[in-house]
Amino acid sequence: AGHQRYLCSHCRKTWQLQFTYTASQPGTHQKIIDMAMNGVGCRAT
């Protein structure tokens, strides 16, 4: 989607530094869980 992907020459794993969708960013899943446990809706971000 227009963002550069990086490739590890040792294990061949790929990753991105920039994400198109906020949900794809590292840590978003844990943030959603924390908000749900505190009774805050997901749209409150």
Protein backbone atom coordinates (compact mmCIF):
# COMPACT_ATOMS: atom_id res chain seq x y z
CA ALA A 1 0.00 0.00 0.00
CA GLY A 2 2.91 2.29 -0.66
CA HIS A 3 4.93 1.64 2.50
CA GLN A 4 8.39 0.13 2.36
CA ARG A 5 8.80 -3.38 3.76
CA TYR A 6 12.06 -4.56 5.28
CA LEU A 7 13.50 -8.08 5.04
CA CYS A 8 15.79 -9.74 7.59
CA SER A 9 18.62 -11.35 5.62
CA HIS A 10 19.09 -13.97 8.34
CA CYS A 11 15.55 -15.27 9.06
CA ARG A 12 13.77 -13.80 5.98
CA LYS A 13 11.07 -12.20 8.17
CA THR A 14 9.49 -9.01 6.82
CA TRP A 15 8.16 -5.98 8.68
CA GLN A 16 7.08 -2.37 8.16
CA LEU A 17 7.94 0.80 10.07
CA GLN A 18 4.87 2.71 8.87
CA PHE A 19 1.35 1.30 8.84
CA THR A 20 -1.66 2.25 6.72
CA TYR A 21 -4.18 1.20 9.36
CA THR A 22 -3.91 2.10 13.06
CA ALA A 23 -5.07 -1.40 14.04
CA SER A 24 -1.95 -2.86 12.43
CA GLN A 25 0.44 -0.98 14.70
CA PRO A 26 2.19 -2.85 17.50
CA GLY A 27 0.51 -2.33 20.87
CA THR A 28 -2.96 -1.54 19.52
CA HIS A 29 -4.35 -4.94 20.54
CA GLN A 30 -3.23 -4.48 24.14
CA LYS A 31 -4.63 -0.93 24.20
CA ILE A 32 -8.05 -2.25 23.09
CA ILE A 33 -7.98 -4.92 25.80
CA ASP A 34 -7.08 -2.34 28.46
CA MET A 35 -9.90 -0.05 27.34
CA ALA A 36 -12.42 -2.91 27.36
CA MET A 37 -11.39 -3.95 30.87
CA ASN A 38 -11.89 -0.35 32.06
CA GLY A 39 -15.33 -0.07 30.45
CA VAL A 40 -14.25 2.46 27.82
CA GLY A 41 -15.52 2.07 24.26
CA CYS A 42 -13.11 1.52 21.39
CA ARG A 43 -14.21 4.74 19.68
CA ALA A 44 -13.04 6.83 22.65
CA THR A 45 -9.50 6.98 21.26
